[in-house]
Amino acid sequence: MIFDIDGTLIDTNLAHVEAWVRAFARLGYKIPADRIEVEIGKGGDKLVSSVVGQSGEECDGESLRRVQQDEFLAIAAQQRFPVFPRVPELFRALRERGIRTALATSSNQRHLRGTLESAGIDLPALADEMVTKDDAEASKPAPDLVLAAAEALGLSPAQCALVGDTPYDAESAHGAGVVCLGVLSGGFGNEELRGAGAREVWRDTGHLLEDLPHALDVASPGKARLDRPRLEQLMREALAVAREGLEHGEVPIGAVLARSDGTILARGYNELQHTGDRTAHAEMSAFRRVAGRIEPGSRDLVLVSTLEPCVMCTGAAMEAAVDTVVFGLEAPADSGTHRVSPPSSPEAIMPRIVGNVLPSESRALLQEWLRTNGHREQREYVEQLLGL
């Protein structure tokens, strides 16, 4: 379980807003608080460019971030930041269940130290690991910080969940292949958090602790651990199906639909050449083979594809209540999973999407197809994939 800090564990978001208002004013910008409130949760580099544009970032970005930190620390020295309810108890409850924890903050060490001193809590002592902005190349909503936390924990993204209070936490988690559990304590609403990808939303950390068994079931409905060896095992099954498609003259893209314990329910490979059906993608072939055999309410399904699913296949995974989508090679940005928005209906969930599992093996199959086949339209598409 990975925790954001500001707005999730400690009540600092309004202080951040005020510090930004002061910083912009000191450098000659008149920015109202409500314009900044909607940006809280982003890294400072992305916040500045969003508020005053790229030219403002290039001219004053570094100065604005430096002044904002000074103003925030001044506020922290003047007041005591409240800690949200039952934070230590929540960490203890997770530890008692054998669940490792990490803190993930976009703050630097100086900023973090001021926050913790004001709040009067030693959060790093509660958690197993901690990552800061120094551990990530790009700030939220990029996935870098969440991926760094999963790596620090020694876990695959599919074994992790992020607790966060902003849509940017949810976007960051989604990009990392990590489930997001939202909390309302940062000022963003239920619809905003779910619309950005949070699977479910709780009032605050105290509410999350009260509902912890359900929250853990939401984060991980399957019985097995989707660690890296299991993900690679499932991907090798999909690669074997892709090779079968290659032997039948198809572009070698394979998919398997499985339960989280590794039991495979269906296999499928691309059948566009054989059928002339442009919807005969590997994932759709697998879904068609298992039609009517998935029990209602089953939520531990894993869809594994050698290529990142398209919009159609991602949508089908959502309709089938697939918990986790795993892919090998990335697809073009205009045809991959990033174009599908999280569902707004409460009974639907956005699958966690974990990429780059054995991508070189997927690439090698496509290169082999290029050497032996000449279908012009598909050849151009395969060349595009290999050029990414």
Protein backbone atom coordinates (compact mmCIF):
# COMPACT_ATOMS: atom_id res chain seq x y z
CA MET A 1 0.00 0.00 0.00
CA ILE A 2 1.53 3.29 -1.16
CA PHE A 3 0.44 6.53 0.51
CA ASP A 4 0.50 10.07 -0.77
CA ILE A 5 1.17 12.46 2.13
CA ASP A 6 -0.22 15.96 1.46
CA GLY A 7 -4.02 15.92 1.71
CA THR A 8 -4.05 12.17 2.35
CA LEU A 9 -2.22 11.70 5.65
CA ILE A 10 -1.66 15.33 6.69
CA ASP A 11 -4.02 18.28 6.11
CA THR A 12 -1.77 20.61 4.10
CA ASN A 13 -3.56 21.34 0.84
CA LEU A 14 -4.93 24.76 1.85
CA ALA A 15 -1.47 25.74 3.08
CA HIS A 16 -0.06 24.78 -0.32
CA VAL A 17 -2.70 26.91 -2.03
CA GLU A 18 -1.89 29.92 0.16
CA ALA A 19 1.85 29.46 -0.40
CA TRP A 20 1.33 29.42 -4.17
CA VAL A 21 -0.88 32.54 -4.03
CA ARG A 22 1.88 34.34 -2.14
CA ALA A 23 4.60 33.09 -4.46
CA PHE A 24 2.78 34.20 -7.61
CA ALA A 25 2.05 37.59 -6.03
CA ARG A 26 5.70 38.11 -5.08
CA LEU A 27 6.72 37.58 -8.71
CA GLY A 28 4.03 39.90 -10.08
CA TYR A 29 1.22 37.45 -10.90
CA LYS A 30 -2.28 37.93 -9.52
CA ILE A 31 -3.65 34.40 -9.32
CA PRO A 32 -6.80 33.69 -7.24
CA ALA A 33 -6.82 30.79 -4.82
CA ASP A 34 -9.60 28.92 -6.64
CA ARG A 35 -7.44 28.78 -9.79
CA ILE A 36 -4.69 27.06 -7.82
CA GLU A 37 -6.94 24.73 -5.80
CA VAL A 38 -7.75 22.60 -8.86
CA GLU A 39 -4.03 22.13 -9.56
CA ILE A 40 -3.02 20.91 -6.10
CA GLY A 41 -1.60 17.42 -6.33
CA LYS A 42 0.50 18.10 -9.41
CA GLY A 43 4.24 18.56 -9.24
CA GLY A 44 5.30 22.20 -9.03
CA ASP A 45 6.72 22.14 -12.57
CA LYS A 46 3.41 21.06 -14.05
CA LEU A 47 1.40 23.39 -11.79
CA VAL A 48 3.27 26.50 -12.87
CA SER A 49 3.01 25.80 -16.58
CA SER A 50 -0.69 24.98 -16.21
CA VAL A 51 -1.43 28.25 -14.37
CA VAL A 52 0.74 30.76 -16.25
CA GLY A 53 1.63 28.88 -19.44
CA GLN A 54 4.90 27.59 -20.79
CA SER A 55 6.34 31.08 -21.20
CA GLY A 56 5.70 31.78 -17.51
CA GLU A 57 7.34 28.49 -16.61
CA GLU A 58 10.41 29.29 -18.68
CA CYS A 59 10.69 32.79 -17.26
CA ASP A 60 9.76 32.33 -13.60
CA GLY A 61 9.22 28.61 -12.92
CA GLU A 62 12.30 27.97 -10.79
CA SER A 63 11.84 31.19 -8.84
CA LEU A 64 8.15 30.50 -8.23
CA ARG A 65 8.88 27.02 -6.86
CA ARG A 66 11.65 28.32 -4.62
CA VAL A 67 9.47 31.12 -3.22
CA GLN A 68 6.49 28.76 -2.80
CA GLN A 69 8.59 26.41 -0.71
CA ASP A 70 9.81 29.28 1.47
CA GLU A 71 6.24 30.51 1.96
CA PHE A 72 4.97 27.01 2.72
CA LEU A 73 7.67 26.45 5.33
CA ALA A 74 6.84 29.82 6.88
CA ILE A 75 3.19 28.74 7.16
CA ALA A 76 4.28 25.39 8.60
CA ALA A 77 6.32 27.16 11.28
CA GLN A 78 3.35 29.34 12.27
CA GLN A 79 0.69 26.63 12.59
CA ARG A 80 0.25 22.94 13.35
CA PHE A 81 -0.91 20.88 10.41
CA PRO A 82 -3.60 18.38 11.48
CA VAL A 83 -2.96 14.69 10.90
CA PHE A 84 -5.99 12.94 9.44
CA PRO A 85 -7.82 10.42 11.66
CA ARG A 86 -6.14 7.24 12.87
CA VAL A 87 -3.13 7.34 10.60
CA PRO A 88 -0.79 5.40 12.95
CA GLU A 89 -3.50 2.80 13.54
CA LEU A 90 -3.96 2.34 9.79
CA PHE A 91 -0.27 1.63 9.26
CA ARG A 92 -0.23 -0.79 12.20
CA ALA A 93 -3.31 -2.61 10.86
CA LEU A 94 -1.63 -3.06 7.49
CA ARG A 95 1.57 -4.32 9.08
CA GLU A 96 -0.39 -6.82 11.16
CA ARG A 97 -1.82 -8.19 7.89
CA GLY A 98 1.65 -8.57 6.40
CA ILE A 99 1.10 -5.69 3.95
CA ARG A 100 4.17 -3.56 3.24
CA THR A 101 3.75 0.21 3.05
CA ALA A 102 5.49 3.10 1.33
CA LEU A 103 5.23 6.88 1.40
CA ALA A 104 5.37 8.64 -1.97
CA THR A 105 5.64 12.41 -1.98
CA SER A 106 6.51 14.98 -4.62
CA SER A 107 8.15 17.07 -1.87
CA ASN A 108 11.89 17.35 -1.39
CA GLN A 109 13.51 16.53 1.94
CA ARG A 110 13.43 20.13 3.25
CA HIS A 111 9.77 20.51 2.39
CA LEU A 112 8.90 17.14 3.90
CA ARG A 113 10.80 17.86 7.09
CA GLY A 114 8.84 21.10 7.61
CA THR A 115 5.54 19.29 7.04
CA LEU A 116 6.32 16.49 9.51
CA GLU A 117 7.61 18.88 12.19
CA SER A 118 4.47 20.99 11.93
CA ALA A 119 2.23 17.93 12.10
CA GLY A 120 4.20 16.38 14.94
CA ILE A 121 4.28 12.91 13.39
CA ASP A 122 7.14 10.70 12.22
CA LEU A 123 5.56 9.14 9.13
CA PRO A 124 8.77 7.47 7.86
CA ALA A 125 8.87 5.47 11.12
CA LEU A 126 5.40 4.08 10.35
CA ALA A 127 6.15 2.97 6.78
CA ASP A 128 8.53 0.41 5.32
CA GLU A 129 9.79 2.62 2.49
CA MET A 130 9.68 6.22 1.33
CA VAL A 131 10.29 7.88 -2.04
CA THR A 132 10.45 11.62 -2.75
CA LYS A 133 10.76 13.84 -5.81
CA ASP A 134 14.47 12.97 -5.93
CA ASP A 135 13.52 9.39 -6.84
CA ALA A 136 11.43 10.27 -9.90
CA GLU A 137 12.25 11.97 -13.18
CA ALA A 138 8.75 13.33 -13.77
CA SER A 139 6.21 14.60 -11.22
CA LYS A 140 2.53 13.70 -10.89
CA PRO A 141 0.39 13.00 -12.80
CA ALA A 142 3.25 11.08 -14.45
CA PRO A 143 3.60 7.54 -13.03
CA ASP A 144 7.28 7.82 -12.11
CA LEU A 145 6.87 8.36 -8.36
CA VAL A 146 4.40 5.48 -7.98
CA LEU A 147 6.64 3.17 -9.97
CA ALA A 148 9.59 4.18 -7.78
CA ALA A 149 7.56 3.28 -4.68
CA ALA A 150 6.63 -0.14 -6.08
CA GLU A 151 10.28 -0.77 -6.93
CA ALA A 152 11.36 0.29 -3.42
CA LEU A 153 8.87 -2.22 -2.00
CA GLY A 154 10.24 -4.93 -4.27
CA LEU A 155 6.80 -5.58 -5.77
CA SER A 156 5.21 -5.53 -9.20
CA PRO A 157 2.69 -2.70 -9.81
CA ALA A 158 -0.07 -5.34 -9.88
CA GLN A 159 0.67 -6.06 -6.20
CA CYS A 160 0.25 -2.44 -5.11
CA ALA A 161 -2.44 0.12 -4.39
CA LEU A 162 -2.05 3.88 -3.92
CA VAL A 163 -4.08 5.87 -1.40
CA GLY A 164 -4.42 9.44 -2.67
CA ASP A 165 -6.64 12.52 -2.45
CA THR A 166 -6.36 14.16 -5.87
CA PRO A 167 -7.20 13.22 -9.47
CA TYR A 168 -3.49 13.50 -10.21
CA ASP A 169 -2.80 10.71 -7.71
CA ALA A 170 -5.35 8.56 -9.54
CA GLU A 171 -3.85 9.39 -12.95
CA SER A 172 -0.36 8.65 -11.67
CA ALA A 173 -1.47 5.31 -10.24
CA HIS A 174 -3.29 4.35 -13.44
CA GLY A 175 -0.23 5.12 -15.52
CA ALA A 176 1.86 2.93 -13.24
CA GLY A 177 -0.54 -0.03 -13.32
CA VAL A 178 -1.44 0.47 -9.66
CA VAL A 179 -4.97 0.55 -8.20
CA CYS A 180 -5.96 3.91 -6.67
CA LEU A 181 -8.07 4.11 -3.51
CA GLY A 182 -9.33 7.68 -3.15
CA VAL A 183 -9.93 9.76 -0.03
CA LEU A 184 -12.00 12.95 0.09
CA SER A 185 -9.78 14.68 2.64
CA GLY A 186 -7.92 16.77 0.06
CA GLY A 187 -10.94 18.70 -1.16
CA PHE A 188 -11.67 16.88 -4.41
CA GLY A 189 -15.04 15.15 -4.80
CA ASN A 190 -16.07 11.57 -5.37
CA GLU A 191 -16.86 12.09 -9.06
CA GLU A 192 -13.53 13.85 -9.69
CA LEU A 193 -11.55 11.03 -8.07
CA ARG A 194 -13.49 8.20 -9.72
CA GLY A 195 -13.41 10.03 -13.03
CA ALA A 196 -9.61 10.06 -12.84
CA GLY A 197 -9.46 6.33 -12.09
CA ALA A 198 -9.94 5.76 -8.35
CA ARG A 199 -11.70 2.41 -7.88
CA GLU A 200 -13.55 3.51 -4.78
CA VAL A 201 -13.53 6.53 -2.47
CA TRP A 202 -13.52 6.86 1.32
CA ARG A 203 -14.03 9.91 3.53
CA ASP A 204 -10.51 9.91 5.02
CA THR A 205 -7.92 7.60 6.55
CA GLY A 206 -10.13 6.87 9.56
CA HIS A 207 -12.95 5.76 7.28
CA LEU A 208 -10.49 3.66 5.26
CA LEU A 209 -9.32 1.92 8.44
CA GLU A 210 -12.91 1.17 9.48
CA ASP A 211 -13.57 -0.33 6.05
CA LEU A 212 -10.13 -1.91 5.58
CA PRO A 213 -11.21 -5.50 4.71
CA HIS A 214 -13.46 -4.17 1.95
CA ALA A 215 -10.81 -1.71 0.74
CA LEU A 216 -8.26 -4.51 0.42
CA ASP A 217 -10.77 -6.61 -1.51
CA VAL A 218 -11.37 -3.68 -3.86
CA ALA A 219 -7.63 -3.29 -4.39
CA SER A 220 -6.95 -6.99 -4.88
CA PRO A 221 -10.00 -9.19 -5.48
CA GLY A 222 -7.98 -12.22 -6.56
CA LYS A 223 -6.51 -14.83 -4.25
CA ALA A 224 -3.05 -15.00 -5.85
CA ARG A 225 -0.21 -12.51 -5.89
CA LEU A 226 0.44 -11.05 -9.32
CA ASP A 227 4.18 -10.79 -8.80
CA ARG A 228 6.64 -10.41 -11.66
CA PRO A 229 7.25 -14.18 -12.11
CA ARG A 230 3.50 -14.87 -12.40
CA LEU A 231 3.03 -12.01 -14.87
CA GLU A 232 5.89 -13.34 -16.99
CA GLN A 233 4.49 -16.88 -16.80
CA LEU A 234 1.15 -15.66 -18.15
CA MET A 235 2.85 -13.57 -20.82
CA ARG A 236 4.77 -16.64 -22.05
CA GLU A 237 1.41 -18.35 -22.51
CA ALA A 238 0.26 -15.39 -24.61
CA LEU A 239 3.52 -15.48 -26.60
CA ALA A 240 2.96 -19.17 -27.37
CA VAL A 241 -0.50 -18.32 -28.72
CA ALA A 242 0.99 -15.47 -30.77
CA ARG A 243 3.46 -17.91 -32.34
CA GLU A 244 0.56 -20.16 -33.25
CA GLY A 245 -0.98 -17.20 -35.05
CA LEU A 246 2.33 -16.57 -36.85
CA GLU A 247 2.31 -20.15 -38.10
CA HIS A 248 -1.14 -19.49 -39.58
CA GLY A 249 0.07 -16.37 -41.41
CA GLU A 250 -1.38 -13.89 -38.94
CA VAL A 251 0.39 -10.95 -37.32
CA PRO A 252 1.72 -12.62 -34.14
CA ILE A 253 -0.32 -11.04 -31.37
CA GLY A 254 -1.59 -13.43 -28.70
CA ALA A 255 -3.80 -13.12 -25.64
CA VAL A 256 -4.90 -15.26 -22.74
CA LEU A 257 -7.72 -14.70 -20.28
CA ALA A 258 -6.91 -16.17 -16.88
CA ARG A 259 -7.79 -16.10 -13.23
CA SER A 260 -5.31 -14.46 -10.90
CA ASP A 261 -4.11 -17.90 -9.71
CA GLY A 262 -2.87 -18.59 -13.24
CA THR A 263 -5.75 -20.83 -14.41
CA ILE A 264 -6.21 -20.03 -18.09
CA LEU A 265 -9.81 -19.78 -19.25
CA ALA A 266 -9.27 -18.95 -22.94
CA ARG A 267 -6.61 -18.24 -25.55
CA GLY A 268 -6.78 -16.26 -28.76
CA TYR A 269 -4.59 -14.83 -31.50
CA ASN A 270 -5.18 -12.21 -34.18
CA GLU A 271 -7.37 -13.62 -36.96
CA LEU A 272 -7.71 -10.58 -39.24
CA GLN A 273 -6.08 -12.20 -42.24
CA HIS A 274 -8.07 -15.43 -42.00
CA THR A 275 -11.48 -13.94 -41.27
CA GLY A 276 -11.32 -10.49 -42.87
CA ASP A 277 -12.95 -9.26 -39.64
CA ARG A 278 -11.23 -6.13 -38.38
CA THR A 279 -12.55 -6.81 -34.86
CA ALA A 280 -10.89 -10.24 -34.70
CA HIS A 281 -8.15 -9.05 -32.36
CA ALA A 282 -6.42 -11.57 -30.11
CA GLU A 283 -8.20 -10.28 -27.01
CA MET A 284 -11.62 -10.41 -28.65
CA SER A 285 -10.93 -13.96 -29.85
CA ALA A 286 -10.20 -14.96 -26.26
CA PHE A 287 -13.34 -13.26 -24.96
CA ARG A 288 -15.48 -14.99 -27.59
CA ARG A 289 -14.12 -18.39 -26.60
CA VAL A 290 -15.08 -17.87 -22.98
CA ALA A 291 -18.48 -16.26 -23.63
CA GLY A 292 -21.09 -17.49 -21.16
CA ARG A 293 -18.54 -19.30 -18.99
CA ILE A 294 -17.54 -16.44 -16.69
CA GLU A 295 -19.49 -16.51 -13.45
CA PRO A 296 -21.44 -13.32 -12.67
CA GLY A 297 -19.57 -11.27 -10.09
CA SER A 298 -16.19 -12.77 -10.94
CA ARG A 299 -13.65 -10.01 -10.37
CA ASP A 300 -10.24 -11.66 -10.43
CA LEU A 301 -9.82 -11.98 -14.20
CA VAL A 302 -6.50 -11.14 -15.84
CA LEU A 303 -6.21 -10.32 -19.54
CA VAL A 304 -2.70 -10.78 -20.90
CA SER A 305 -1.77 -9.64 -24.41
CA THR A 306 1.55 -9.48 -26.19
CA LEU A 307 0.53 -6.04 -27.50
CA GLU A 308 -1.12 -3.18 -25.61
CA PRO A 309 -4.90 -3.56 -26.13
CA CYS A 310 -6.73 -1.11 -28.36
CA VAL A 311 -9.74 0.97 -27.30
CA MET A 312 -12.15 -1.79 -28.34
CA CYS A 313 -10.35 -4.51 -26.40
CA THR A 314 -9.86 -2.32 -23.32
CA GLY A 315 -13.57 -1.54 -23.36
CA ALA A 316 -14.38 -5.23 -23.65
CA ALA A 317 -12.13 -5.90 -20.65
CA MET A 318 -14.06 -3.33 -18.63
CA GLU A 319 -17.38 -4.88 -19.64
CA ALA A 320 -16.08 -8.32 -18.63
CA ALA A 321 -15.02 -6.95 -15.21
CA VAL A 322 -11.35 -7.77 -15.83
CA ASP A 323 -9.31 -6.73 -12.81
CA THR A 324 -5.88 -6.52 -14.43
CA VAL A 325 -4.70 -6.04 -18.02
CA VAL A 326 -1.09 -6.99 -18.74
CA PHE A 327 0.67 -6.28 -22.02
CA GLY A 328 4.09 -6.69 -23.52
CA LEU A 329 4.77 -4.16 -26.28
CA GLU A 330 3.32 -0.65 -26.31
CA ALA A 331 0.93 0.33 -29.11
CA PRO A 332 0.68 3.78 -30.73
CA ALA A 333 -0.65 6.40 -28.32
CA ASP A 334 -3.79 6.94 -30.40
CA SER A 335 -4.85 3.31 -30.22
CA GLY A 336 -3.84 2.16 -26.74
CA THR A 337 -5.30 2.03 -23.27
CA HIS A 338 -4.68 5.71 -22.49
CA ARG A 339 -7.66 6.75 -24.63
CA VAL A 340 -10.20 4.91 -22.48
CA SER A 341 -11.68 6.99 -19.66
CA PRO A 342 -12.48 5.42 -16.27
CA PRO A 343 -16.16 4.45 -15.95
CA SER A 344 -18.51 6.63 -13.92
CA SER A 345 -21.03 3.90 -13.02
CA PRO A 346 -20.38 2.54 -9.50
CA GLU A 347 -20.60 -1.12 -10.56
CA ALA A 348 -17.85 -0.76 -13.18
CA ILE A 349 -14.11 -0.51 -12.56
CA MET A 350 -11.10 0.57 -14.56
CA PRO A 351 -8.70 -2.35 -14.82
CA ARG A 352 -5.19 -1.78 -13.58
CA ILE A 353 -3.00 -1.85 -16.68
CA VAL A 354 0.54 -3.16 -16.35
CA GLY A 355 2.80 -2.83 -19.37
CA ASN A 356 6.27 -3.78 -20.55
CA VAL A 357 6.16 -7.42 -19.47
CA LEU A 358 8.61 -9.35 -21.71
CA PRO A 359 8.33 -6.70 -24.49
CA SER A 360 11.47 -7.89 -26.29
CA GLU A 361 9.90 -11.32 -26.86
CA SER A 362 6.82 -9.68 -28.38
CA ARG A 363 9.03 -7.51 -30.55
CA ALA A 364 11.03 -10.51 -31.77
CA LEU A 365 7.86 -12.27 -32.98
CA LEU A 366 6.79 -9.20 -34.94
CA GLN A 367 10.24 -8.91 -36.50
CA GLU A 368 10.03 -12.56 -37.53
CA TRP A 369 6.65 -11.91 -39.17
CA LEU A 370 8.12 -9.00 -41.15
CA ARG A 371 10.80 -11.26 -42.58
CA THR A 372 8.29 -13.84 -43.80
CA ASN A 373 5.12 -11.93 -44.71
CA GLY A 374 4.13 -9.12 -47.00
CA HIS A 375 0.55 -8.01 -46.29
CA ARG A 376 0.99 -4.33 -47.06
CA GLU A 377 -1.56 -2.79 -44.70
CA GLN A 378 -0.58 -4.94 -41.75
CA ARG A 379 3.11 -4.58 -42.64
CA GLU A 380 2.89 -0.80 -42.24
CA TYR A 381 1.21 -1.24 -38.87
CA VAL A 382 3.85 -3.71 -37.65
CA GLU A 383 6.63 -1.39 -38.80
CA GLN A 384 4.96 1.39 -36.86
CA LEU A 385 4.87 -0.79 -33.71
CA LEU A 386 8.52 -1.68 -34.04
CA GLY A 387 9.42 1.97 -34.54
CA LEU A 388 7.95 3.07 -31.22
